[in-house]
Amino acid sequence: MSFYDMKINYIDGRPADLTIYRGKVLLVVNTASKCSYSRQFTILQQLHEKYHRYGFEILAFPCNQFNNKEPGDNSEVKTYCEDLFNITFPLFEKIKVRGQNAHPLFQYLTAQAPFQGFDTESASGEFMTNFLNEKYPDIYKGDGIKWNFTKFLINQNGQVHGRFETTIEPFEIEPAIKSLLQSN
């Protein structure tokens, strides 16, 4: 099964055909609008506006698995993200991204790009390592999604090019996005 074969719905309940994203560079992000990392929505939107015309898409998947930071229903999430962050990239239905009931899309992504740890040379990486090890050691174990705003960069052929953890700000991924767009 490939990335494009996954079955999922947009946040408004319409079925999504992921094959429409074939040939594009994608950034797949698990999001939570009430999370302190939701500030990343602003830069994600800026990247979307800057590179969308060149074949770049951001696909956002709200999730409520980490500290109840996405408590609303799909309609509330959509309204909040569009009103507060002016999101224009696609939002999908709320899903689970880790554990036994993780959506197959995120099972696929984490299998393709296992967890490599946080950059403990950075303050935010050290914080997340300590925070998860102390408060949520079960989340820290294995290759699953560790927190909100884990990002997967997908190339034009649907292959995972890289995994960027929560603590990696979206602007730090921009060189990799540009490189993939220019390789087409």
N, C-alpha and C. Protein backbone atom coordinates (compact mmCIF):
# COMPACT_ATOMS: atom_id res chain seq x y z
N MET A 1 0.84 -1.17 0.00
CA MET A 1 0.00 0.00 0.00
C MET A 1 0.89 1.24 0.00
N SER A 2 0.52 2.24 -0.78
CA SER A 2 1.30 3.47 -0.87
C SER A 2 0.59 4.61 -0.14
N PHE A 3 1.28 5.71 -0.01
CA PHE A 3 0.71 6.90 0.61
C PHE A 3 -0.61 7.27 -0.04
N TYR A 4 -0.66 7.21 -1.35
CA TYR A 4 -1.83 7.67 -2.10
C TYR A 4 -3.03 6.74 -1.98
N ASP A 5 -2.83 5.53 -1.48
CA ASP A 5 -3.93 4.56 -1.34
C ASP A 5 -4.70 4.71 -0.04
N MET A 6 -4.22 5.55 0.86
CA MET A 6 -4.85 5.69 2.17
C MET A 6 -6.25 6.28 2.05
N LYS A 7 -7.15 5.78 2.88
CA LYS A 7 -8.53 6.29 2.92
C LYS A 7 -8.67 7.22 4.12
N ILE A 8 -9.15 8.41 3.86
CA ILE A 8 -9.31 9.43 4.91
C ILE A 8 -10.34 10.44 4.44
N ASN A 9 -10.90 11.18 5.36
CA ASN A 9 -11.86 12.23 5.02
C ASN A 9 -11.29 13.59 5.35
N TYR A 10 -11.72 14.58 4.57
CA TYR A 10 -11.43 15.96 4.93
C TYR A 10 -12.20 16.28 6.20
N ILE A 11 -11.88 17.39 6.82
CA ILE A 11 -12.47 17.75 8.11
C ILE A 11 -13.99 17.96 8.02
N ASP A 12 -14.49 18.27 6.82
CA ASP A 12 -15.93 18.46 6.65
C ASP A 12 -16.66 17.16 6.32
N GLY A 13 -15.94 16.03 6.35
CA GLY A 13 -16.56 14.72 6.14
C GLY A 13 -16.48 14.20 4.72
N ARG A 14 -16.09 15.03 3.77
CA ARG A 14 -15.95 14.57 2.38
C ARG A 14 -14.78 13.60 2.28
N PRO A 15 -14.94 12.52 1.52
CA PRO A 15 -13.81 11.61 1.29
C PRO A 15 -12.68 12.33 0.56
N ALA A 16 -11.47 12.08 0.98
CA ALA A 16 -10.29 12.67 0.34
C ALA A 16 -9.66 11.63 -0.59
N ASP A 17 -9.33 12.06 -1.77
CA ASP A 17 -8.62 11.23 -2.72
C ASP A 17 -7.17 11.70 -2.72
N LEU A 18 -6.31 10.98 -2.02
CA LEU A 18 -4.93 11.42 -1.88
C LEU A 18 -4.15 11.37 -3.20
N THR A 19 -4.70 10.70 -4.21
CA THR A 19 -4.00 10.67 -5.50
C THR A 19 -3.93 12.06 -6.14
N ILE A 20 -4.78 13.00 -5.71
CA ILE A 20 -4.70 14.36 -6.26
C ILE A 20 -3.41 15.05 -5.83
N TYR A 21 -2.72 14.48 -4.85
CA TYR A 21 -1.46 15.06 -4.38
C TYR A 21 -0.24 14.38 -5.01
N ARG A 22 -0.47 13.41 -5.88
CA ARG A 22 0.64 12.75 -6.58
C ARG A 22 1.40 13.80 -7.39
N GLY A 23 2.71 13.73 -7.34
CA GLY A 23 3.54 14.68 -8.08
C GLY A 23 3.82 15.96 -7.32
N LYS A 24 3.30 16.08 -6.10
CA LYS A 24 3.53 17.27 -5.28
C LYS A 24 4.43 16.92 -4.10
N VAL A 25 5.09 17.93 -3.59
CA VAL A 25 5.85 17.79 -2.34
C VAL A 25 4.86 18.07 -1.22
N LEU A 26 4.81 17.17 -0.25
CA LEU A 26 3.83 17.28 0.83
C LEU A 26 4.52 17.38 2.19
N LEU A 27 3.90 18.14 3.07
CA LEU A 27 4.30 18.14 4.46
C LEU A 27 3.07 17.70 5.25
N VAL A 28 3.13 16.51 5.81
CA VAL A 28 2.04 15.92 6.58
C VAL A 28 2.32 16.22 8.05
N VAL A 29 1.33 16.82 8.72
CA VAL A 29 1.53 17.27 10.11
C VAL A 29 0.37 16.82 10.98
N ASN A 30 0.65 16.23 12.13
CA ASN A 30 -0.42 16.00 13.11
C ASN A 30 -0.50 17.26 13.98
N THR A 31 -1.70 17.81 14.07
CA THR A 31 -1.86 19.12 14.69
C THR A 31 -2.78 19.06 15.91
N ALA A 32 -2.72 20.11 16.70
CA ALA A 32 -3.62 20.31 17.84
C ALA A 32 -3.70 21.80 18.08
N SER A 33 -4.86 22.36 17.90
CA SER A 33 -5.01 23.82 17.91
C SER A 33 -4.83 24.46 19.27
N LYS A 34 -4.96 23.71 20.35
CA LYS A 34 -4.81 24.28 21.70
C LYS A 34 -3.43 24.00 22.30
N CYS A 35 -2.55 23.42 21.53
CA CYS A 35 -1.20 23.07 21.99
C CYS A 35 -0.30 24.30 21.93
N SER A 36 0.68 24.37 22.82
CA SER A 36 1.61 25.50 22.77
C SER A 36 2.38 25.52 21.45
N TYR A 37 2.51 24.38 20.81
CA TYR A 37 3.19 24.32 19.51
C TYR A 37 2.28 24.77 18.37
N SER A 38 1.02 25.13 18.66
CA SER A 38 0.12 25.58 17.60
C SER A 38 0.63 26.88 16.96
N ARG A 39 1.58 27.53 17.59
CA ARG A 39 2.20 28.70 16.96
C ARG A 39 2.81 28.32 15.60
N GLN A 40 3.09 27.03 15.42
CA GLN A 40 3.66 26.57 14.15
C GLN A 40 2.67 26.72 12.99
N PHE A 41 1.38 26.81 13.28
CA PHE A 41 0.39 27.03 12.22
C PHE A 41 0.74 28.27 11.39
N THR A 42 1.20 29.31 12.05
CA THR A 42 1.51 30.56 11.36
C THR A 42 2.59 30.35 10.30
N ILE A 43 3.66 29.68 10.67
CA ILE A 43 4.76 29.46 9.73
C ILE A 43 4.36 28.42 8.68
N LEU A 44 3.58 27.42 9.08
CA LEU A 44 3.08 26.46 8.09
C LEU A 44 2.27 27.19 7.02
N GLN A 45 1.41 28.11 7.44
CA GLN A 45 0.62 28.87 6.47
C GLN A 45 1.52 29.72 5.57
N GLN A 46 2.56 30.31 6.14
CA GLN A 46 3.49 31.11 5.34
C GLN A 46 4.20 30.24 4.31
N LEU A 47 4.63 29.04 4.71
CA LEU A 47 5.26 28.12 3.76
C LEU A 47 4.28 27.72 2.66
N HIS A 48 3.05 27.47 3.05
CA HIS A 48 2.02 27.11 2.08
C HIS A 48 1.85 28.23 1.05
N GLU A 49 1.74 29.46 1.51
CA GLU A 49 1.55 30.59 0.60
C GLU A 49 2.77 30.78 -0.31
N LYS A 50 3.95 30.54 0.22
CA LYS A 50 5.17 30.78 -0.54
C LYS A 50 5.41 29.72 -1.61
N TYR A 51 5.08 28.46 -1.33
CA TYR A 51 5.46 27.37 -2.23
C TYR A 51 4.30 26.63 -2.89
N HIS A 52 3.09 26.95 -2.53
CA HIS A 52 1.94 26.23 -3.08
C HIS A 52 1.93 26.26 -4.61
N ARG A 53 2.21 27.39 -5.20
CA ARG A 53 2.16 27.50 -6.67
C ARG A 53 3.25 26.68 -7.36
N TYR A 54 4.23 26.22 -6.59
CA TYR A 54 5.30 25.40 -7.15
C TYR A 54 5.08 23.90 -6.93
N GLY A 55 3.92 23.54 -6.37
CA GLY A 55 3.61 22.13 -6.18
C GLY A 55 3.82 21.63 -4.76
N PHE A 56 3.65 22.50 -3.78
CA PHE A 56 3.82 22.13 -2.37
C PHE A 56 2.47 22.20 -1.67
N GLU A 57 2.18 21.19 -0.88
CA GLU A 57 0.95 21.13 -0.10
C GLU A 57 1.26 20.75 1.34
N ILE A 58 0.51 21.33 2.25
CA ILE A 58 0.56 20.92 3.65
C ILE A 58 -0.75 20.21 3.93
N LEU A 59 -0.68 19.05 4.54
CA LEU A 59 -1.85 18.26 4.90
C LEU A 59 -1.86 18.13 6.41
N ALA A 60 -2.87 18.72 7.05
CA ALA A 60 -2.94 18.77 8.52
C ALA A 60 -3.97 17.78 9.05
N PHE A 61 -3.56 17.00 10.04
CA PHE A 61 -4.39 15.97 10.64
C PHE A 61 -4.54 16.22 12.13
N PRO A 62 -5.63 16.85 12.54
CA PRO A 62 -5.85 17.11 13.97
C PRO A 62 -5.92 15.81 14.77
N CYS A 63 -5.40 15.90 15.98
CA CYS A 63 -5.34 14.73 16.86
C CYS A 63 -5.47 15.20 18.31
N ASN A 64 -6.17 14.41 19.11
CA ASN A 64 -6.38 14.77 20.51
C ASN A 64 -5.69 13.79 21.46
N GLN A 65 -4.64 13.15 21.03
CA GLN A 65 -4.00 12.12 21.85
C GLN A 65 -2.96 12.64 22.84
N PHE A 66 -2.60 13.90 22.75
CA PHE A 66 -1.52 14.42 23.57
C PHE A 66 -2.03 15.56 24.45
N ASN A 67 -2.30 15.26 25.71
CA ASN A 67 -2.74 16.24 26.70
C ASN A 67 -4.05 16.93 26.34
N ASN A 68 -4.91 16.24 25.60
CA ASN A 68 -6.25 16.77 25.30
C ASN A 68 -6.18 18.18 24.68
N LYS A 69 -5.29 18.37 23.71
CA LYS A 69 -5.07 19.69 23.11
C LYS A 69 -5.86 19.92 21.83
N GLU A 70 -6.73 18.96 21.48
CA GLU A 70 -7.65 19.15 20.34
C GLU A 70 -9.01 18.58 20.73
N PRO A 71 -9.65 19.21 21.74
CA PRO A 71 -10.86 18.63 22.32
C PRO A 71 -12.14 18.80 21.48
N GLY A 72 -12.17 19.76 20.58
CA GLY A 72 -13.39 20.04 19.83
C GLY A 72 -13.70 19.00 18.77
N ASP A 73 -14.92 19.09 18.22
CA ASP A 73 -15.27 18.21 17.10
C ASP A 73 -14.67 18.80 15.82
N ASN A 74 -14.83 18.09 14.71
CA ASN A 74 -14.22 18.53 13.45
C ASN A 74 -14.65 19.94 13.05
N SER A 75 -15.91 20.25 13.22
CA SER A 75 -16.41 21.58 12.85
C SER A 75 -15.76 22.67 13.69
N GLU A 76 -15.63 22.43 14.99
CA GLU A 76 -14.99 23.41 15.88
C GLU A 76 -13.52 23.59 15.53
N VAL A 77 -12.84 22.49 15.24
CA VAL A 77 -11.42 22.57 14.88
C VAL A 77 -11.25 23.38 13.61
N LYS A 78 -12.07 23.09 12.61
CA LYS A 78 -12.00 23.80 11.32
C LYS A 78 -12.20 25.30 11.52
N THR A 79 -13.25 25.67 12.22
CA THR A 79 -13.55 27.08 12.46
C THR A 79 -12.42 27.76 13.22
N TYR A 80 -11.93 27.12 14.26
CA TYR A 80 -10.87 27.69 15.08
C TYR A 80 -9.60 27.92 14.25
N CYS A 81 -9.18 26.91 13.50
CA CYS A 81 -7.95 27.02 12.72
C CYS A 81 -8.06 28.06 11.61
N GLU A 82 -9.22 28.11 10.97
CA GLU A 82 -9.40 29.09 9.90
C GLU A 82 -9.52 30.51 10.45
N ASP A 83 -10.22 30.67 11.57
CA ASP A 83 -10.42 32.01 12.13
C ASP A 83 -9.17 32.54 12.84
N LEU A 84 -8.54 31.72 13.65
CA LEU A 84 -7.40 32.19 14.44
C LEU A 84 -6.10 32.21 13.65
N PHE A 85 -5.88 31.17 12.82
CA PHE A 85 -4.60 31.04 12.13
C PHE A 85 -4.69 31.32 10.63
N ASN A 86 -5.90 31.59 10.13
CA ASN A 86 -6.11 31.85 8.70
C ASN A 86 -5.60 30.72 7.81
N ILE A 87 -5.81 29.50 8.25
CA ILE A 87 -5.36 28.32 7.52
C ILE A 87 -6.11 28.20 6.20
N THR A 88 -5.35 28.00 5.12
CA THR A 88 -5.97 27.74 3.82
C THR A 88 -5.54 26.39 3.25
N PHE A 89 -4.62 25.70 3.92
CA PHE A 89 -4.23 24.36 3.46
C PHE A 89 -5.23 23.34 3.99
N PRO A 90 -5.27 22.14 3.39
CA PRO A 90 -6.29 21.16 3.77
C PRO A 90 -6.17 20.65 5.21
N LEU A 91 -7.31 20.63 5.87
CA LEU A 91 -7.45 20.00 7.18
C LEU A 91 -8.25 18.72 6.99
N PHE A 92 -7.84 17.68 7.68
CA PHE A 92 -8.51 16.40 7.60
C PHE A 92 -9.22 16.11 8.91
N GLU A 93 -10.04 15.07 8.91
CA GLU A 93 -10.78 14.71 10.11
C GLU A 93 -9.83 14.36 11.26
N LYS A 94 -10.30 14.55 12.48
CA LYS A 94 -9.52 14.16 13.65
C LYS A 94 -9.29 12.66 13.61
N ILE A 95 -8.05 12.29 13.89
CA ILE A 95 -7.68 10.88 13.88
C ILE A 95 -6.74 10.60 15.05
N LYS A 96 -6.47 9.33 15.24
CA LYS A 96 -5.43 8.91 16.17
C LYS A 96 -4.16 8.68 15.35
N VAL A 97 -3.03 9.11 15.89
CA VAL A 97 -1.78 9.02 15.15
C VAL A 97 -0.77 8.05 15.79
N ARG A 98 -1.13 7.51 16.94
CA ARG A 98 -0.22 6.55 17.58
C ARG A 98 -1.03 5.47 18.30
N GLY A 99 -0.36 4.38 18.59
CA GLY A 99 -0.99 3.29 19.33
C GLY A 99 -1.72 2.32 18.42
N GLN A 100 -2.42 1.39 19.05
CA GLN A 100 -3.12 0.31 18.34
C GLN A 100 -4.14 0.85 17.34
N ASN A 101 -4.78 1.97 17.67
CA ASN A 101 -5.83 2.53 16.82
C ASN A 101 -5.35 3.67 15.93
N ALA A 102 -4.04 3.77 15.74
CA ALA A 102 -3.51 4.82 14.87
C ALA A 102 -4.04 4.62 13.46
N HIS A 103 -4.35 5.72 12.81
CA HIS A 103 -4.81 5.66 11.42
C HIS A 103 -3.72 5.00 10.57
N PRO A 104 -4.11 4.18 9.59
CA PRO A 104 -3.11 3.52 8.73
C PRO A 104 -2.12 4.49 8.08
N LEU A 105 -2.55 5.71 7.80
CA LEU A 105 -1.63 6.69 7.21
C LEU A 105 -0.45 6.94 8.14
N PHE A 106 -0.71 7.10 9.43
CA PHE A 106 0.38 7.38 10.36
C PHE A 106 1.15 6.11 10.73
N GLN A 107 0.52 4.96 10.65
CA GLN A 107 1.26 3.71 10.79
C GLN A 107 2.27 3.60 9.65
N TYR A 108 1.83 3.93 8.45
CA TYR A 108 2.70 3.90 7.26
C TYR A 108 3.85 4.89 7.42
N LEU A 109 3.53 6.13 7.80
CA LEU A 109 4.56 7.16 7.90
C LEU A 109 5.61 6.82 8.95
N THR A 110 5.17 6.34 10.11
CA THR A 110 6.16 6.02 11.17
C THR A 110 6.97 4.78 10.81
N ALA A 111 6.41 3.88 10.03
CA ALA A 111 7.19 2.72 9.56
C ALA A 111 8.25 3.16 8.56
N GLN A 112 7.92 4.15 7.74
CA GLN A 112 8.86 4.66 6.74
C GLN A 112 9.94 5.55 7.35
N ALA A 113 9.59 6.24 8.42
CA ALA A 113 10.53 7.17 9.06
C ALA A 113 10.46 7.00 10.57
N PRO A 114 11.22 6.04 11.10
CA PRO A 114 11.22 5.80 12.55
C PRO A 114 11.74 7.00 13.34
N PHE A 115 11.36 7.03 14.60
CA PHE A 115 11.81 8.08 15.52
C PHE A 115 13.32 8.01 15.69
N GLN A 116 13.98 9.16 15.52
CA GLN A 116 15.44 9.22 15.66
C GLN A 116 15.87 9.98 16.91
N GLY A 117 14.90 10.35 17.74
CA GLY A 117 15.21 11.11 18.95
C GLY A 117 15.07 12.60 18.70
N PHE A 118 15.08 13.34 19.77
CA PHE A 118 15.06 14.79 19.71
C PHE A 118 16.49 15.29 19.73
N ASP A 119 16.72 16.45 19.19
CA ASP A 119 18.04 17.07 19.23
C ASP A 119 18.26 17.62 20.64
N THR A 120 18.96 16.88 21.46
CA THR A 120 19.17 17.30 22.85
C THR A 120 20.22 18.40 22.97
N GLU A 121 20.81 18.82 21.85
CA GLU A 121 21.71 19.97 21.86
C GLU A 121 20.89 21.27 21.89
N SER A 122 19.61 21.18 21.54
CA SER A 122 18.74 22.36 21.60
C SER A 122 17.94 22.31 22.91
N ALA A 123 17.58 23.47 23.41
CA ALA A 123 16.82 23.55 24.66
C ALA A 123 15.46 22.87 24.51
N SER A 124 14.80 23.08 23.38
CA SER A 124 13.48 22.47 23.19
C SER A 124 13.57 20.95 23.04
N GLY A 125 14.62 20.48 22.39
CA GLY A 125 14.81 19.03 22.25
C GLY A 125 15.11 18.37 23.58
N GLU A 126 15.94 19.03 24.38
CA GLU A 126 16.25 18.51 25.72
C GLU A 126 14.98 18.51 26.58
N PHE A 127 14.20 19.60 26.48
CA PHE A 127 12.96 19.68 27.25
C PHE A 127 12.03 18.53 26.89
N MET A 128 11.79 18.31 25.58
CA MET A 128 10.85 17.26 25.16
C MET A 128 11.34 15.88 25.58
N THR A 129 12.63 15.63 25.48
CA THR A 129 13.19 14.35 25.90
C THR A 129 12.90 14.12 27.38
N ASN A 130 13.22 15.12 28.20
CA ASN A 130 13.00 14.99 29.64
C ASN A 130 11.52 14.92 29.99
N PHE A 131 10.71 15.78 29.37
CA PHE A 131 9.27 15.82 29.62
C PHE A 131 8.62 14.47 29.33
N LEU A 132 8.91 13.91 28.17
CA LEU A 132 8.29 12.63 27.82
C LEU A 132 8.83 11.49 28.67
N ASN A 133 10.13 11.46 28.91
CA ASN A 133 10.69 10.39 29.74
C ASN A 133 10.14 10.42 31.16
N GLU A 134 9.91 11.62 31.70
CA GLU A 134 9.41 11.74 33.07
C GLU A 134 7.91 11.54 33.17
N LYS A 135 7.15 12.15 32.27
CA LYS A 135 5.69 12.14 32.38
C LYS A 135 5.00 11.10 31.52
N TYR A 136 5.57 10.78 30.38
CA TYR A 136 4.94 9.87 29.42
C TYR A 136 5.96 8.89 28.82
N PRO A 137 6.60 8.09 29.67
CA PRO A 137 7.63 7.19 29.14
C PRO A 137 7.10 6.21 28.09
N ASP A 138 5.81 5.86 28.18
CA ASP A 138 5.24 4.95 27.19
C ASP A 138 5.19 5.61 25.81
N ILE A 139 4.98 6.93 25.75
CA ILE A 139 4.96 7.66 24.48
C ILE A 139 6.37 7.75 23.91
N TYR A 140 7.35 7.93 24.78
CA TYR A 140 8.73 8.10 24.31
C TYR A 140 9.28 6.82 23.68
N LYS A 141 8.80 5.68 24.13
CA LYS A 141 9.30 4.40 23.61
C LYS A 141 8.84 4.18 22.18
N GLY A 142 9.65 3.50 21.41
CA GLY A 142 9.26 3.08 20.06
C GLY A 142 9.33 4.19 19.03
N ASP A 143 8.75 3.93 17.87
CA ASP A 143 8.86 4.83 16.73
C ASP A 143 7.62 5.68 16.49
N GLY A 144 6.60 5.52 17.33
CA GLY A 144 5.35 6.25 17.14
C GLY A 144 5.51 7.75 17.25
N ILE A 145 4.45 8.45 16.93
CA ILE A 145 4.42 9.91 17.06
C ILE A 145 4.58 10.25 18.53
N LYS A 146 5.43 11.22 18.80
CA LYS A 146 5.74 11.58 20.19
C LYS A 146 4.87 12.70 20.74
N TRP A 147 4.45 13.62 19.85
CA TRP A 147 3.68 14.77 20.32
C TRP A 147 3.04 15.45 19.12
N ASN A 148 2.28 16.49 19.40
CA ASN A 148 1.66 17.28 18.33
C ASN A 148 2.74 17.94 17.47
N PHE A 149 2.40 18.16 16.21
CA PHE A 149 3.25 18.85 15.25
C PHE A 149 4.50 18.07 14.86
N THR A 150 4.37 16.75 14.79
CA THR A 150 5.39 15.94 14.13
C THR A 150 5.12 16.10 12.63
N LYS A 151 6.18 16.27 11.86
CA LYS A 151 6.03 16.60 10.45
C LYS A 151 6.77 15.58 9.59
N PHE A 152 6.11 15.14 8.50
CA PHE A 152 6.71 14.22 7.54
C PHE A 152 6.76 14.90 6.19
N LEU A 153 7.94 14.97 5.61
CA LEU A 153 8.11 15.54 4.28
C LEU A 153 8.07 14.39 3.27
N ILE A 154 7.16 14.52 2.30
CA ILE A 154 6.91 13.47 1.32
C ILE A 154 7.33 14.00 -0.06
N ASN A 155 8.07 13.19 -0.81
CA ASN A 155 8.49 13.65 -2.14
C ASN A 155 7.38 13.46 -3.17
N GLN A 156 7.65 13.85 -4.39
CA GLN A 156 6.66 13.82 -5.46
C GLN A 156 6.17 12.41 -5.80
N ASN A 157 6.90 11.39 -5.39
CA ASN A 157 6.53 10.00 -5.65
C ASN A 157 5.82 9.34 -4.47
N GLY A 158 5.54 10.12 -3.43
CA GLY A 158 4.84 9.58 -2.27
C GLY A 158 5.74 8.89 -1.27
N GLN A 159 7.05 9.09 -1.38
CA GLN A 159 7.99 8.46 -0.45
C GLN A 159 8.37 9.46 0.63
N VAL A 160 8.51 8.95 1.84
CA VAL A 160 8.91 9.81 2.96
C VAL A 160 10.35 10.24 2.78
N HIS A 161 10.55 11.53 2.72
CA HIS A 161 11.89 12.11 2.56
C HIS A 161 12.52 12.42 3.91
N GLY A 162 11.68 12.71 4.92
CA GLY A 162 12.22 13.03 6.23
C GLY A 162 11.12 13.18 7.27
N ARG A 163 11.51 12.94 8.49
CA ARG A 163 10.62 13.12 9.65
C ARG A 163 11.22 14.21 10.51
N PHE A 164 10.37 15.15 10.93
CA PHE A 164 10.82 16.29 11.72
C PHE A 164 9.94 16.35 12.96
N GLU A 165 10.56 16.22 14.10
CA GLU A 165 9.82 16.15 15.35
C GLU A 165 9.22 17.50 15.74
N THR A 166 8.40 17.46 16.74
CA THR A 166 7.69 18.62 17.27
C THR A 166 8.58 19.84 17.44
N THR A 167 9.76 19.64 17.94
CA THR A 167 10.65 20.74 18.28
C THR A 167 11.32 21.39 17.07
N ILE A 168 11.18 20.78 15.91
CA ILE A 168 11.71 21.37 14.67
C ILE A 168 10.67 22.35 14.15
N GLU A 169 11.04 23.60 14.08
CA GLU A 169 10.12 24.63 13.59
C GLU A 169 9.98 24.48 12.07
N PRO A 170 8.80 24.76 11.53
CA PRO A 170 8.58 24.58 10.10
C PRO A 170 9.58 25.32 9.20
N PHE A 171 10.01 26.51 9.60
CA PHE A 171 10.96 27.25 8.75
C PHE A 171 12.29 26.51 8.62
N GLU A 172 12.61 25.63 9.58
CA GLU A 172 13.84 24.86 9.50
C GLU A 172 13.78 23.79 8.42
N ILE A 173 12.59 23.46 7.98
CA ILE A 173 12.39 22.44 6.95
C ILE A 173 12.42 23.07 5.55
N GLU A 174 12.35 24.38 5.48
CA GLU A 174 12.26 25.07 4.19
C GLU A 174 13.36 24.67 3.20
N PRO A 175 14.63 24.54 3.60
CA PRO A 175 15.63 24.14 2.62
C PRO A 175 15.34 22.77 1.99
N ALA A 176 14.85 21.84 2.78
CA ALA A 176 14.52 20.51 2.24
C ALA A 176 13.32 20.59 1.29
N ILE A 177 12.36 21.45 1.61
CA ILE A 177 11.19 21.64 0.74
C ILE A 177 11.66 22.20 -0.60
N LYS A 178 12.48 23.26 -0.55
CA LYS A 178 12.99 23.88 -1.77
C LYS A 178 13.78 22.88 -2.61
N SER A 179 14.60 22.08 -1.96
CA SER A 179 15.41 21.08 -2.68
C SER A 179 14.53 20.08 -3.42
N LEU A 180 13.50 19.59 -2.75
CA LEU A 180 12.59 18.64 -3.40
C LEU A 180 11.83 19.30 -4.55
N LEU A 181 11.39 20.51 -4.37
CA LEU A 181 10.66 21.21 -5.44
C LEU A 181 11.56 21.44 -6.65
N GLN A 182 12.83 21.72 -6.41
CA GLN A 182 13.75 21.97 -7.51
C GLN A 182 14.21 20.70 -8.20
N SER A 183 14.05 19.54 -7.52
CA SER A 183 14.49 18.27 -8.10
C SER A 183 13.50 17.72 -9.11
N ASN A 184 12.34 18.34 -9.19
CA ASN A 184 11.29 17.84 -10.09
C ASN A 184 11.52 18.30 -11.51
